[in-house]
Each structure stands twice: as structure tokens, then as C-alpha cells.
Amino acid sequence: MLAHFRFVGEETRAIPVIFLTAKVQGPDRRRFMELGVRGVIAKPFDPLTLGRQIREALGWSTSGEGIAESTPQTPRTLEPHPQR
């Protein structure tokens, strides 16, 4: 579905995509990169820090600077947080 979404038109190619997944093995990471995924947040994740993890994956600062000029980069994998 993401592959179709990415190639439908120019306007959809620029939309950043982040996966929330338990699949963060080598082959999966390569496939995510091929699809142009901006970040991968590994499950389980801490809902209290999810916003920060998303900002990090997108390369956004906490002040909101750089949001409009965000550029594609290698997907970042954020490791799961320990369960409380």
C-alpha cells in the first residue's frame, strides 16, 4: 500500500511516513529505506515519549523550527522503551 501511495503523484511523495512496528530486522530496514520511510519506532514504545520520538524521526526541533524545510533522510530506528 505504501509503495502505491508513494508513486501515485508528486503531492504524496513528500508526505513523511513513520512506521510503528515490531519488525526492525535488517531485511525490513532495507525495505523501509526503499519505500522512503522517514523513521521506524520499534514496539513496544512508551506513549509518554512518543511525541519526542516522532519529532526525532522527522528531524524536527522541539521549537518547531525546520518543520517546513524537513528533507528526506535515512530512516531512523528508535529502540523500544522498557516496560514500566
C-alpha atoms as a PDB file:
ATOM      1  CA  MET A   1       0.000   0.000   0.000  1.00  0.00           C
ATOM      2  CA  LEU A   2       2.808   2.438   0.847  1.00  0.00           C
ATOM      3  CA  ALA A   3       4.542   1.710  -2.462  1.00  0.00           C
ATOM      4  CA  HIS A   4       1.346   2.647  -4.297  1.00  0.00           C
ATOM      5  CA  PHE A   5       0.891   5.744  -2.111  1.00  0.00           C
ATOM      6  CA  ARG A   6       4.460   6.876  -2.854  1.00  0.00           C
ATOM      7  CA  PHE A   7       4.056   6.642  -6.616  1.00  0.00           C
ATOM      8  CA  VAL A   8       0.512   7.951  -7.080  1.00  0.00           C
ATOM      9  CA  GLY A   9       1.667  11.515  -7.580  1.00  0.00           C
ATOM     10  CA  GLU A  10       4.148  14.198  -6.682  1.00  0.00           C
ATOM     11  CA  GLU A  11       1.999  15.548  -3.856  1.00  0.00           C
ATOM     12  CA  THR A  12       2.051  12.235  -1.959  1.00  0.00           C
ATOM     13  CA  ARG A  13       5.794  11.598  -2.312  1.00  0.00           C
ATOM     14  CA  ALA A  14       6.627  14.449   0.051  1.00  0.00           C
ATOM     15  CA  ILE A  15       4.450  13.173   2.923  1.00  0.00           C
ATOM     16  CA  PRO A  16       6.745  11.758   5.630  1.00  0.00           C
ATOM     17  CA  VAL A  17       5.937   8.217   6.792  1.00  0.00           C
ATOM     18  CA  ILE A  18       6.885   6.687  10.132  1.00  0.00           C
ATOM     19  CA  PHE A  19       6.299   3.020  10.937  1.00  0.00           C
ATOM     20  CA  LEU A  20       5.336   1.837  14.418  1.00  0.00           C
ATOM     21  CA  THR A  21       6.365  -1.806  14.173  1.00  0.00           C
ATOM     22  CA  ALA A  22       7.987  -4.757  15.868  1.00  0.00           C
ATOM     23  CA  LYS A  23       9.775  -5.594  12.586  1.00  0.00           C
ATOM     24  CA  VAL A  24      13.147  -3.850  12.708  1.00  0.00           C
ATOM     25  CA  GLN A  25      15.427  -6.580  11.362  1.00  0.00           C
ATOM     26  CA  GLY A  26      17.986  -5.920   8.596  1.00  0.00           C
ATOM     27  CA  PRO A  27      15.823  -7.002   5.630  1.00  0.00           C
ATOM     28  CA  ASP A  28      12.893  -4.989   6.973  1.00  0.00           C
ATOM     29  CA  ARG A  29      15.047  -1.865   7.370  1.00  0.00           C
ATOM     30  CA  ARG A  30      16.265  -2.171   3.776  1.00  0.00           C
ATOM     31  CA  ARG A  31      12.684  -2.450   2.521  1.00  0.00           C
ATOM     32  CA  PHE A  32      11.658   0.577   4.600  1.00  0.00           C
ATOM     33  CA  MET A  33      14.518   2.585   3.058  1.00  0.00           C
ATOM     34  CA  GLU A  34      13.445   1.540  -0.448  1.00  0.00           C
ATOM     35  CA  LEU A  35       9.951   2.818   0.326  1.00  0.00           C
ATOM     36  CA  GLY A  36      11.269   6.168   1.551  1.00  0.00           C
ATOM     37  CA  VAL A  37      10.183   5.734   5.165  1.00  0.00           C
ATOM     38  CA  ARG A  38      11.453   8.583   7.372  1.00  0.00           C
ATOM     39  CA  GLY A  39      11.522   6.683  10.642  1.00  0.00           C
ATOM     40  CA  VAL A  40      10.794   3.436  12.395  1.00  0.00           C
ATOM     41  CA  ILE A  41       9.632   3.370  16.001  1.00  0.00           C
ATOM     42  CA  ALA A  42      10.026  -0.093  17.456  1.00  0.00           C
ATOM     43  CA  LYS A  43       7.335  -1.654  19.611  1.00  0.00           C
ATOM     44  CA  PRO A  44       6.822  -1.612  22.476  1.00  0.00           C
ATOM     45  CA  PHE A  45       7.124   2.134  22.754  1.00  0.00           C
ATOM     46  CA  ASP A  46       6.423   4.464  25.658  1.00  0.00           C
ATOM     47  CA  PRO A  47       3.322   6.560  24.891  1.00  0.00           C
ATOM     48  CA  LEU A  48       4.674   9.320  27.134  1.00  0.00           C
ATOM     49  CA  THR A  49       7.687   9.799  24.857  1.00  0.00           C
ATOM     50  CA  LEU A  50       6.047   9.005  21.511  1.00  0.00           C
ATOM     51  CA  GLY A  51       5.808  12.683  20.511  1.00  0.00           C
ATOM     52  CA  ARG A  52       9.537  13.165  21.106  1.00  0.00           C
ATOM     53  CA  GLN A  53      10.332  10.017  19.132  1.00  0.00           C
ATOM     54  CA  ILE A  54       8.248  11.239  16.202  1.00  0.00           C
ATOM     55  CA  ARG A  55       9.983  14.651  16.254  1.00  0.00           C
ATOM     56  CA  GLU A  56      13.363  12.881  16.283  1.00  0.00           C
ATOM     57  CA  ALA A  57      12.399  10.603  13.373  1.00  0.00           C
ATOM     58  CA  LEU A  58      11.290  13.611  11.340  1.00  0.00           C
ATOM     59  CA  GLY A  59      14.322  15.668  12.341  1.00  0.00           C
ATOM     60  CA  TRP A  60      12.134  18.373  13.885  1.00  0.00           C
ATOM     61  CA  SER A  61      13.328  20.510  16.746  1.00  0.00           C
ATOM     62  CA  THR A  62      11.222  20.939  19.862  1.00  0.00           C
ATOM     63  CA  SER A  63      10.718  24.602  18.962  1.00  0.00           C
ATOM     64  CA  GLY A  64       9.091  23.627  15.661  1.00  0.00           C
ATOM     65  CA  GLU A  65      11.899  25.131  13.564  1.00  0.00           C
ATOM     66  CA  GLY A  66      12.723  23.202  10.435  1.00  0.00           C
ATOM     67  CA  ILE A  67       9.330  21.589  10.015  1.00  0.00           C
ATOM     68  CA  ALA A  68       8.605  23.208   6.654  1.00  0.00           C
ATOM     69  CA  GLU A  69      12.089  22.544   5.321  1.00  0.00           C
ATOM     70  CA  SER A  70      12.378  18.956   6.520  1.00  0.00           C
ATOM     71  CA  THR A  71      14.188  16.815   3.943  1.00  0.00           C
ATOM     72  CA  PRO A  72      14.208  13.050   3.337  1.00  0.00           C
ATOM     73  CA  GLN A  73      16.974  11.122   5.038  1.00  0.00           C
ATOM     74  CA  THR A  74      17.924   7.625   6.094  1.00  0.00           C
ATOM     75  CA  PRO A  75      15.165   6.139   8.251  1.00  0.00           C
ATOM     76  CA  ARG A  76      15.876   6.360  11.947  1.00  0.00           C
ATOM     77  CA  THR A  77      15.085   3.370  14.123  1.00  0.00           C
ATOM     78  CA  LEU A  78      14.183   4.278  17.667  1.00  0.00           C
ATOM     79  CA  GLU A  79      14.520   1.391  20.058  1.00  0.00           C
ATOM     80  CA  PRO A  80      11.648   0.291  22.295  1.00  0.00           C
ATOM     81  CA  HIS A  81      11.406   1.702  25.778  1.00  0.00           C
ATOM     82  CA  PRO A  82      11.467  -0.653  28.748  1.00  0.00           C
ATOM     83  CA  GLN A  83       8.050  -1.503  30.120  1.00  0.00           C
ATOM     84  CA  ARG A  84       7.180   0.144  33.402  1.00  0.00           C
END
